[in-house]
């Protein structure tokens, strides 16, 4: 699904990187009413790596962090968070 609307704000904080941007916020609007956001930054103070991908839905969310690449955090509304490990038999066959 491709976004129908797109808005991006970008900045250069580190003068030596200009004219390249080192920080950007993107908002995407989809035809079904869903909204997606992306924050891309090289200036997140205190975060050496910190690549995080988070997908938030109406019933659950998942989060992946590059510091723990073999794990996926699953949070289902009303239930405790779960950590799913790569290669485990409880995963769908497509995930294996």
PDB file of N, CA and C in Angstrom:
ATOM      1  N   UNK A   1       0.846  -1.159   0.000  1.00  0.00           N
ATOM      2  CA  UNK A   1       0.000   0.000   0.000  1.00  0.00           C
ATOM      3  C   UNK A   1       0.904   1.238   0.000  1.00  0.00           C
ATOM      4  N   UNK A   2       0.671   2.119  -0.904  1.00  0.00           N
ATOM      5  CA  UNK A   2       1.436   3.359  -1.010  1.00  0.00           C
ATOM      6  C   UNK A   2       0.670   4.504  -0.365  1.00  0.00           C
ATOM      7  N   UNK A   3       1.385   5.435   0.268  1.00  0.00           N
ATOM      8  CA  UNK A   3       0.686   6.574   0.870  1.00  0.00           C
ATOM      9  C   UNK A   3       0.093   7.494  -0.192  1.00  0.00           C
ATOM     10  N   UNK A   4      -1.044   8.098   0.128  1.00  0.00           N
ATOM     11  CA  UNK A   4      -1.671   9.083  -0.754  1.00  0.00           C
ATOM     12  C   UNK A   4      -1.164  10.489  -0.471  1.00  0.00           C
ATOM     13  N   UNK A   5      -0.787  10.738   0.792  1.00  0.00           N
ATOM     14  CA  UNK A   5      -0.296  12.055   1.203  1.00  0.00           C
ATOM     15  C   UNK A   5       1.041  11.872   1.911  1.00  0.00           C
ATOM     16  N   UNK A   6       1.913  12.854   1.762  1.00  0.00           N
ATOM     17  CA  UNK A   6       3.244  12.763   2.348  1.00  0.00           C
ATOM     18  C   UNK A   6       3.690  14.147   2.794  1.00  0.00           C
ATOM     19  N   UNK A   7       4.201  14.237   4.014  1.00  0.00           N
ATOM     20  CA  UNK A   7       4.729  15.484   4.541  1.00  0.00           C
ATOM     21  C   UNK A   7       6.065  15.175   5.196  1.00  0.00           C
ATOM     22  N   UNK A   8       7.095  15.964   4.885  1.00  0.00           N
ATOM     23  CA  UNK A   8       8.412  15.732   5.459  1.00  0.00           C
ATOM     24  C   UNK A   8       9.016  17.052   5.915  1.00  0.00           C
ATOM     25  N   UNK A   9       9.559  17.054   7.125  1.00  0.00           N
ATOM     26  CA  UNK A   9      10.315  18.201   7.640  1.00  0.00           C
ATOM     27  C   UNK A   9      11.741  17.710   7.871  1.00  0.00           C
ATOM     28  N   UNK A  10      12.719  18.406   7.322  1.00  0.00           N
ATOM     29  CA  UNK A  10      14.107  17.958   7.433  1.00  0.00           C
ATOM     30  C   UNK A  10      14.995  19.098   7.929  1.00  0.00           C
ATOM     31  N   UNK A  11      16.085  18.700   8.594  1.00  0.00           N
ATOM     32  CA  UNK A  11      16.971  19.691   9.196  1.00  0.00           C
ATOM     33  C   UNK A  11      18.420  19.220   9.101  1.00  0.00           C
ATOM     34  N   UNK A  12      19.335  20.169   9.145  1.00  0.00           N
ATOM     35  CA  UNK A  12      20.772  19.897   9.263  1.00  0.00           C
ATOM     36  C   UNK A  12      21.240  20.522  10.569  1.00  0.00           C
ATOM     37  N   UNK A  13      21.571  19.668  11.552  1.00  0.00           N
ATOM     38  CA  UNK A  13      22.048  20.176  12.837  1.00  0.00           C
ATOM     39  C   UNK A  13      23.569  20.296  12.879  1.00  0.00           C
ATOM     40  N   UNK A  14      24.267  19.328  12.279  1.00  0.00           N
ATOM     41  CA  UNK A  14      25.724  19.331  12.293  1.00  0.00           C
ATOM     42  C   UNK A  14      26.204  20.071  11.057  1.00  0.00           C
ATOM     43  N   UNK A  15      26.851  21.206  11.257  1.00  0.00           N
ATOM     44  CA  UNK A  15      27.238  22.076  10.140  1.00  0.00           C
ATOM     45  C   UNK A  15      28.103  21.359   9.114  1.00  0.00           C
ATOM     46  N   UNK A  16      28.965  20.467   9.543  1.00  0.00           N
ATOM     47  CA  UNK A  16      29.844  19.743   8.622  1.00  0.00           C
ATOM     48  C   UNK A  16      29.112  18.808   7.677  1.00  0.00           C
ATOM     49  N   UNK A  17      27.876  18.469   7.970  1.00  0.00           N
ATOM     50  CA  UNK A  17      27.076  17.584   7.112  1.00  0.00           C
ATOM     51  C   UNK A  17      26.263  18.361   6.082  1.00  0.00           C
ATOM     52  N   UNK A  18      26.051  19.649   6.322  1.00  0.00           N
ATOM     53  CA  UNK A  18      25.229  20.460   5.407  1.00  0.00           C
ATOM     54  C   UNK A  18      25.882  20.462   4.030  1.00  0.00           C
ATOM     55  N   UNK A  19      25.104  20.417   2.963  1.00  0.00           N
ATOM     56  CA  UNK A  19      23.658  20.605   2.897  1.00  0.00           C
ATOM     57  C   UNK A  19      22.849  19.325   3.119  1.00  0.00           C
ATOM     58  N   UNK A  20      23.498  18.217   3.471  1.00  0.00           N
ATOM     59  CA  UNK A  20      22.739  16.993   3.740  1.00  0.00           C
ATOM     60  C   UNK A  20      22.004  17.116   5.068  1.00  0.00           C
ATOM     61  N   UNK A  21      20.830  16.523   5.133  1.00  0.00           N
ATOM     62  CA  UNK A  21      20.033  16.552   6.348  1.00  0.00           C
ATOM     63  C   UNK A  21      20.500  15.443   7.283  1.00  0.00           C
ATOM     64  N   UNK A  22      20.460  15.694   8.576  1.00  0.00           N
ATOM     65  CA  UNK A  22      20.776  14.646   9.547  1.00  0.00           C
ATOM     66  C   UNK A  22      19.600  14.365  10.485  1.00  0.00           C
ATOM     67  N   UNK A  23      18.460  14.956  10.195  1.00  0.00           N
ATOM     68  CA  UNK A  23      17.264  14.731  10.994  1.00  0.00           C
ATOM     69  C   UNK A  23      16.039  14.977  10.112  1.00  0.00           C
ATOM     70  N   UNK A  24      15.067  14.062  10.158  1.00  0.00           N
ATOM     71  CA  UNK A  24      13.861  14.237   9.345  1.00  0.00           C
ATOM     72  C   UNK A  24      12.668  13.564  10.015  1.00  0.00           C
ATOM     73  N   UNK A  25      11.512  14.195   9.857  1.00  0.00           N
ATOM     74  CA  UNK A  25      10.233  13.651  10.303  1.00  0.00           C
ATOM     75  C   UNK A  25       9.349  13.501   9.071  1.00  0.00           C
ATOM     76  N   UNK A  26       8.744  12.337   8.917  1.00  0.00           N
ATOM     77  CA  UNK A  26       7.886  12.089   7.767  1.00  0.00           C
ATOM     78  C   UNK A  26       6.528  11.584   8.263  1.00  0.00           C
ATOM     79  N   UNK A  27       5.464  12.139   7.712  1.00  0.00           N
ATOM     80  CA  UNK A  27       4.105  11.696   8.019  1.00  0.00           C
ATOM     81  C   UNK A  27       3.472  11.244   6.709  1.00  0.00           C
ATOM     82  N   UNK A  28       2.883  10.042   6.731  1.00  0.00           N
ATOM     83  CA  UNK A  28       2.263   9.480   5.536  1.00  0.00           C
ATOM     84  C   UNK A  28       0.785   9.224   5.804  1.00  0.00           C
ATOM     85  N   UNK A  29      -0.073   9.612   4.879  1.00  0.00           N
ATOM     86  CA  UNK A  29      -1.506   9.369   4.989  1.00  0.00           C
ATOM     87  C   UNK A  29      -1.950   8.362   3.940  1.00  0.00           C
ATOM     88  N   UNK A  30      -2.714   7.373   4.354  1.00  0.00           N
ATOM     89  CA  UNK A  30      -3.167   6.304   3.458  1.00  0.00           C
ATOM     90  C   UNK A  30      -4.656   6.433   3.170  1.00  0.00           C
ATOM     91  N   UNK A  31      -5.095   5.837   2.061  1.00  0.00           N
ATOM     92  CA  UNK A  31      -6.498   5.973   1.645  1.00  0.00           C
ATOM     93  C   UNK A  31      -7.480   5.310   2.607  1.00  0.00           C
ATOM     94  N   UNK A  32      -7.023   4.378   3.449  1.00  0.00           N
ATOM     95  CA  UNK A  32      -7.927   3.731   4.411  1.00  0.00           C
ATOM     96  C   UNK A  32      -7.985   4.481   5.743  1.00  0.00           C
ATOM     97  N   UNK A  33      -7.327   5.651   5.815  1.00  0.00           N
ATOM     98  CA  UNK A  33      -7.340   6.454   7.033  1.00  0.00           C
ATOM     99  C   UNK A  33      -6.142   6.232   7.945  1.00  0.00           C
ATOM    100  N   UNK A  34      -5.336   5.224   7.661  1.00  0.00           N
ATOM    101  CA  UNK A  34      -4.151   4.957   8.480  1.00  0.00           C
ATOM    102  C   UNK A  34      -3.127   6.077   8.303  1.00  0.00           C
ATOM    103  N   UNK A  35      -2.367   6.320   9.351  1.00  0.00           N
ATOM    104  CA  UNK A  35      -1.311   7.326   9.331  1.00  0.00           C
ATOM    105  C   UNK A  35      -0.016   6.649   9.749  1.00  0.00           C
ATOM    106  N   UNK A  36       1.043   6.890   8.993  1.00  0.00           N
ATOM    107  CA  UNK A  36       2.360   6.360   9.331  1.00  0.00           C
ATOM    108  C   UNK A  36       3.315   7.496   9.605  1.00  0.00           C
ATOM    109  N   UNK A  37       4.211   7.296  10.563  1.00  0.00           N
ATOM    110  CA  UNK A  37       5.222   8.300  10.855  1.00  0.00           C
ATOM    111  C   UNK A  37       6.596   7.649  10.881  1.00  0.00           C
ATOM    112  N   UNK A  38       7.600   8.404  10.448  1.00  0.00           N
ATOM    113  CA  UNK A  38       8.984   7.942  10.485  1.00  0.00           C
ATOM    114  C   UNK A  38       9.840   9.088  11.010  1.00  0.00           C
ATOM    115  N   UNK A  39      10.680   8.789  11.992  1.00  0.00           N
ATOM    116  CA  UNK A  39      11.684   9.741  12.443  1.00  0.00           C
ATOM    117  C   UNK A  39      13.030   9.158  12.073  1.00  0.00           C
ATOM    118  N   UNK A  40      13.784   9.847  11.267  1.00  0.00           N
ATOM    119  CA  UNK A  40      15.110   9.420  10.836  1.00  0.00           C
ATOM    120  C   UNK A  40      16.108  10.439  11.352  1.00  0.00           C
ATOM    121  N   UNK A  41      17.071   9.982  12.168  1.00  0.00           N
ATOM    122  CA  UNK A  41      17.969  10.946  12.796  1.00  0.00           C
ATOM    123  C   UNK A  41      19.361  10.384  12.999  1.00  0.00           C
ATOM    124  N   UNK A  42      20.338  11.238  12.809  1.00  0.00           N
ATOM    125  CA  UNK A  42      21.733  10.935  13.142  1.00  0.00           C
ATOM    126  C   UNK A  42      22.175  11.768  14.330  1.00  0.00           C
ATOM    127  N   UNK A  43      21.257  12.447  14.981  1.00  0.00           N
ATOM    128  CA  UNK A  43      21.604  13.360  16.062  1.00  0.00           C
ATOM    129  C   UNK A  43      20.838  13.049  17.352  1.00  0.00           C
ATOM    130  N   UNK A  44      20.456  11.815  17.548  1.00  0.00           N
ATOM    131  CA  UNK A  44      19.760  11.403  18.763  1.00  0.00           C
ATOM    132  C   UNK A  44      20.807  11.234  19.867  1.00  0.00           C
ATOM    133  N   UNK A  45      21.006  12.265  20.659  1.00  0.00           N
ATOM    134  CA  UNK A  45      22.053  12.277  21.680  1.00  0.00           C
ATOM    135  C   UNK A  45      21.933  11.085  22.623  1.00  0.00           C
ATOM    136  N   UNK A  46      23.051  10.408  22.836  1.00  0.00           N
ATOM    137  CA  UNK A  46      23.093   9.281  23.756  1.00  0.00           C
ATOM    138  C   UNK A  46      22.739   7.952  23.138  1.00  0.00           C
ATOM    139  N   UNK A  47      22.337   7.929  21.893  1.00  0.00           N
ATOM    140  CA  UNK A  47      21.969   6.681  21.219  1.00  0.00           C
ATOM    141  C   UNK A  47      23.059   6.318  20.221  1.00  0.00           C
ATOM    142  N   UNK A  48      23.854   5.319  20.548  1.00  0.00           N
ATOM    143  CA  UNK A  48      24.955   4.920  19.676  1.00  0.00           C
ATOM    144  C   UNK A  48      24.448   4.204  18.421  1.00  0.00           C
ATOM    145  N   UNK A  49      23.463   3.374  18.585  1.00  0.00           N
ATOM    146  CA  UNK A  49      22.915   2.622  17.456  1.00  0.00           C
ATOM    147  C   UNK A  49      21.435   2.968  17.340  1.00  0.00           C
ATOM    148  N   UNK A  50      20.624   2.310  18.116  1.00  0.00           N
ATOM    149  CA  UNK A  50      19.252   2.713  18.315  1.00  0.00           C
ATOM    150  C   UNK A  50      18.323   2.666  17.124  1.00  0.00           C
ATOM    151  N   UNK A  51      18.605   1.811  16.135  1.00  0.00           N
ATOM    152  CA  UNK A  51      17.635   1.685  15.052  1.00  0.00           C
ATOM    153  C   UNK A  51      16.467   0.862  15.565  1.00  0.00           C
ATOM    154  N   UNK A  52      15.304   1.480  15.594  1.00  0.00           N
ATOM    155  CA  UNK A  52      14.100   0.806  16.082  1.00  0.00           C
ATOM    156  C   UNK A  52      13.027   0.898  15.014  1.00  0.00           C
ATOM    157  N   UNK A  53      12.388  -0.239  14.755  1.00  0.00           N
ATOM    158  CA  UNK A  53      11.251  -0.268  13.842  1.00  0.00           C
ATOM    159  C   UNK A  53      10.053  -0.723  14.661  1.00  0.00           C
ATOM    160  N   UNK A  54       9.015   0.097  14.674  1.00  0.00           N
ATOM    161  CA  UNK A  54       7.831  -0.190  15.473  1.00  0.00           C
ATOM    162  C   UNK A  54       6.599  -0.060  14.585  1.00  0.00           C
ATOM    163  N   UNK A  55       5.765  -1.085  14.606  1.00  0.00           N
ATOM    164  CA  UNK A  55       4.512  -1.065  13.859  1.00  0.00           C
ATOM    165  C   UNK A  55       3.390  -1.157  14.890  1.00  0.00           C
ATOM    166  N   UNK A  56       2.519  -0.142  14.889  1.00  0.00           N
ATOM    167  CA  UNK A  56       1.452  -0.070  15.876  1.00  0.00           C
ATOM    168  C   UNK A  56       0.115  -0.248  15.168  1.00  0.00           C
ATOM    169  N   UNK A  57      -0.650  -1.227  15.602  1.00  0.00           N
ATOM    170  CA  UNK A  57      -1.960  -1.491  15.014  1.00  0.00           C
ATOM    171  C   UNK A  57      -3.068  -1.220  16.009  1.00  0.00           C
ATOM    172  N   UNK A  58      -4.288  -1.538  15.643  1.00  0.00           N
ATOM    173  CA  UNK A  58      -5.432  -1.278  16.523  1.00  0.00           C
ATOM    174  C   UNK A  58      -5.563  -2.330  17.627  1.00  0.00           C
ATOM    175  N   UNK A  59      -4.933  -3.501  17.472  1.00  0.00           N
ATOM    176  CA  UNK A  59      -5.041  -4.570  18.467  1.00  0.00           C
ATOM    177  C   UNK A  59      -3.705  -4.962  19.082  1.00  0.00           C
ATOM    178  N   UNK A  60      -2.614  -4.636  18.402  1.00  0.00           N
ATOM    179  CA  UNK A  60      -1.294  -5.047  18.888  1.00  0.00           C
ATOM    180  C   UNK A  60      -0.216  -4.199  18.222  1.00  0.00           C
ATOM    181  N   UNK A  61       0.996  -4.311  18.745  1.00  0.00           N
ATOM    182  CA  UNK A  61       2.133  -3.646  18.119  1.00  0.00           C
ATOM    183  C   UNK A  61       3.352  -4.571  18.192  1.00  0.00           C
ATOM    184  N   UNK A  62       4.266  -4.356  17.258  1.00  0.00           N
ATOM    185  CA  UNK A  62       5.523  -5.102  17.262  1.00  0.00           C
ATOM    186  C   UNK A  62       6.664  -4.090  17.198  1.00  0.00           C
ATOM    187  N   UNK A  63       7.804  -4.492  17.783  1.00  0.00           N
ATOM    188  CA  UNK A  63       8.961  -3.607  17.810  1.00  0.00           C
ATOM    189  C   UNK A  63      10.227  -4.432  17.618  1.00  0.00           C
ATOM    190  N   UNK A  64      11.107  -3.959  16.739  1.00  0.00           N
ATOM    191  CA  UNK A  64      12.401  -4.600  16.503  1.00  0.00           C
ATOM    192  C   UNK A  64      13.487  -3.576  16.758  1.00  0.00           C
ATOM    193  N   UNK A  65      14.552  -3.989  17.439  1.00  0.00           N
ATOM    194  CA  UNK A  65      15.644  -3.108  17.798  1.00  0.00           C
ATOM    195  C   UNK A  65      16.954  -3.730  17.331  1.00  0.00           C
ATOM    196  N   UNK A  66      17.809  -2.951  16.656  1.00  0.00           N
ATOM    197  CA  UNK A  66      19.046  -3.505  16.107  1.00  0.00           C
ATOM    198  C   UNK A  66      20.033  -3.986  17.170  1.00  0.00           C
ATOM    199  N   UNK A  67      19.879  -3.561  18.401  1.00  0.00           N
ATOM    200  CA  UNK A  67      20.745  -4.032  19.485  1.00  0.00           C
ATOM    201  C   UNK A  67      20.427  -5.479  19.863  1.00  0.00           C
ATOM    202  N   UNK A  68      19.215  -5.930  19.573  1.00  0.00           N
ATOM    203  CA  UNK A  68      18.801  -7.307  19.851  1.00  0.00           C
ATOM    204  C   UNK A  68      18.117  -7.854  18.599  1.00  0.00           C
ATOM    205  N   UNK A  69      18.890  -8.100  17.526  1.00  0.00           N
ATOM    206  CA  UNK A  69      18.296  -8.410  16.225  1.00  0.00           C
ATOM    207  C   UNK A  69      17.566  -9.746  16.137  1.00  0.00           C
ATOM    208  N   UNK A  70      17.772 -10.650  17.089  1.00  0.00           N
ATOM    209  CA  UNK A  70      17.102 -11.943  17.049  1.00  0.00           C
ATOM    210  C   UNK A  70      15.789 -11.956  17.809  1.00  0.00           C
ATOM    211  N   UNK A  71      15.392 -10.797  18.325  1.00  0.00           N
ATOM    212  CA  UNK A  71      14.169 -10.718  19.114  1.00  0.00           C
ATOM    213  C   UNK A  71      13.184  -9.732  18.495  1.00  0.00           C
ATOM    214  N   UNK A  72      11.914 -10.028  18.693  1.00  0.00           N
ATOM    215  CA  UNK A  72      10.826  -9.150  18.285  1.00  0.00           C
ATOM    216  C   UNK A  72       9.905  -9.013  19.489  1.00  0.00           C
ATOM    217  N   UNK A  73       9.606  -7.785  19.864  1.00  0.00           N
ATOM    218  CA  UNK A  73       8.712  -7.548  21.006  1.00  0.00           C
ATOM    219  C   UNK A  73       7.283  -7.440  20.479  1.00  0.00           C
ATOM    220  N   UNK A  74       6.390  -8.257  21.015  1.00  0.00           N
ATOM    221  CA  UNK A  74       4.986  -8.280  20.632  1.00  0.00           C
ATOM    222  C   UNK A  74       4.161  -7.811  21.816  1.00  0.00           C
ATOM    223  N   UNK A  75       3.332  -6.800  21.584  1.00  0.00           N
ATOM    224  CA  UNK A  75       2.470  -6.279  22.642  1.00  0.00           C
ATOM    225  C   UNK A  75       1.026  -6.319  22.156  1.00  0.00           C
ATOM    226  N   UNK A  76       0.253  -7.245  22.704  1.00  0.00           N
ATOM    227  CA  UNK A  76      -1.161  -7.381  22.367  1.00  0.00           C
ATOM    228  C   UNK A  76      -1.953  -6.639  23.429  1.00  0.00           C
ATOM    229  N   UNK A  77      -2.917  -5.829  22.992  1.00  0.00           N
ATOM    230  CA  UNK A  77      -3.700  -5.008  23.913  1.00  0.00           C
ATOM    231  C   UNK A  77      -4.305  -5.871  25.014  1.00  0.00           C
ATOM    232  N   UNK A  78      -4.092  -5.469  26.271  1.00  0.00           N
ATOM    233  CA  UNK A  78      -4.653  -6.174  27.416  1.00  0.00           C
ATOM    234  C   UNK A  78      -3.846  -7.362  27.892  1.00  0.00           C
ATOM    235  N   UNK A  79      -2.685  -7.635  27.265  1.00  0.00           N
ATOM    236  CA  UNK A  79      -1.842  -8.765  27.658  1.00  0.00           C
ATOM    237  C   UNK A  79      -0.429  -8.269  27.940  1.00  0.00           C
ATOM    238  N   UNK A  80       0.338  -9.034  28.724  1.00  0.00           N
ATOM    239  CA  UNK A  80       1.733  -8.647  28.959  1.00  0.00           C
ATOM    240  C   UNK A  80       2.543  -8.724  27.660  1.00  0.00           C
ATOM    241  N   UNK A  81       3.574  -7.907  27.568  1.00  0.00           N
ATOM    242  CA  UNK A  81       4.447  -7.931  26.396  1.00  0.00           C
ATOM    243  C   UNK A  81       5.163  -9.275  26.306  1.00  0.00           C
ATOM    244  N   UNK A  82       5.408  -9.723  25.077  1.00  0.00           N
ATOM    245  CA  UNK A  82       6.116 -10.977  24.827  1.00  0.00           C
ATOM    246  C   UNK A  82       7.361 -10.686  24.000  1.00  0.00           C
ATOM    247  N   UNK A  83       8.420 -11.442  24.248  1.00  0.00           N
ATOM    248  CA  UNK A  83       9.618 -11.371  23.430  1.00  0.00           C
ATOM    249  C   UNK A  83       9.669 -12.653  22.601  1.00  0.00           C
ATOM    250  N   UNK A  84       9.605 -12.510  21.287  1.00  0.00           N
ATOM    251  CA  UNK A  84       9.668 -13.657  20.384  1.00  0.00           C
ATOM    252  C   UNK A  84      11.105 -13.796  19.885  1.00  0.00           C
ATOM    253  N   UNK A  85      11.641 -15.010  19.937  1.00  0.00           N
ATOM    254  CA  UNK A  85      13.017 -15.285  19.525  1.00  0.00           C
ATOM    255  C   UNK A  85      13.056 -15.903  18.130  1.00  0.00           C
ATOM    256  N   UNK A  86      14.057 -15.532  17.359  1.00  0.00           N
ATOM    257  CA  UNK A  86      14.236 -16.075  16.018  1.00  0.00           C
ATOM    258  C   UNK A  86      14.451 -17.587  16.070  1.00  0.00           C
ATOM    259  N   UNK A  87      13.828 -18.292  15.118  1.00  0.00           N
ATOM    260  CA  UNK A  87      14.038 -19.721  14.961  1.00  0.00           C
ATOM    261  C   UNK A  87      13.283 -20.623  15.913  1.00  0.00           C
ATOM    262  N   UNK A  88      12.385 -20.090  16.697  1.00  0.00           N
ATOM    263  CA  UNK A  88      11.655 -20.909  17.678  1.00  0.00           C
ATOM    264  C   UNK A  88      10.427 -21.550  17.031  1.00  0.00           C
ATOM    265  N   UNK A  89      10.054 -22.727  17.515  1.00  0.00           N
ATOM    266  CA  UNK A  89       8.975 -23.497  16.904  1.00  0.00           C
ATOM    267  C   UNK A  89       7.593 -22.863  17.048  1.00  0.00           C
ATOM    268  N   UNK A  90       7.420 -21.924  17.958  1.00  0.00           N
ATOM    269  CA  UNK A  90       6.114 -21.261  18.126  1.00  0.00           C
ATOM    270  C   UNK A  90       5.840 -20.225  17.049  1.00  0.00           C
ATOM    271  N   UNK A  91       6.816 -19.927  16.206  1.00  0.00           N
ATOM    272  CA  UNK A  91       6.628 -18.948  15.130  1.00  0.00           C
ATOM    273  C   UNK A  91       5.913 -19.583  13.936  1.00  0.00           C
ATOM    274  N   UNK A  92       5.290 -18.746  13.135  1.00  0.00           N
ATOM    275  CA  UNK A  92       4.700 -19.217  11.888  1.00  0.00           C
ATOM    276  C   UNK A  92       5.810 -19.758  10.995  1.00  0.00           C
ATOM    277  N   UNK A  93       5.495 -20.719  10.143  1.00  0.00           N
ATOM    278  CA  UNK A  93       6.519 -21.314   9.265  1.00  0.00           C
ATOM    279  C   UNK A  93       7.166 -20.266   8.378  1.00  0.00           C
ATOM    280  N   UNK A  94       6.400 -19.253   7.940  1.00  0.00           N
ATOM    281  CA  UNK A  94       6.956 -18.188   7.101  1.00  0.00           C
ATOM    282  C   UNK A  94       8.033 -17.389   7.853  1.00  0.00           C
ATOM    283  N   UNK A  95       7.905 -17.305   9.162  1.00  0.00           N
ATOM    284  CA  UNK A  95       8.879 -16.559   9.968  1.00  0.00           C
ATOM    285  C   UNK A  95      10.152 -17.346  10.209  1.00  0.00           C
ATOM    286  N   UNK A  96      10.077 -18.660  10.086  1.00  0.00           N
ATOM    287  CA  UNK A  96      11.260 -19.479  10.313  1.00  0.00           C
ATOM    288  C   UNK A  96      12.209 -19.372   9.134  1.00  0.00           C
TER     289      UNK A  96
END
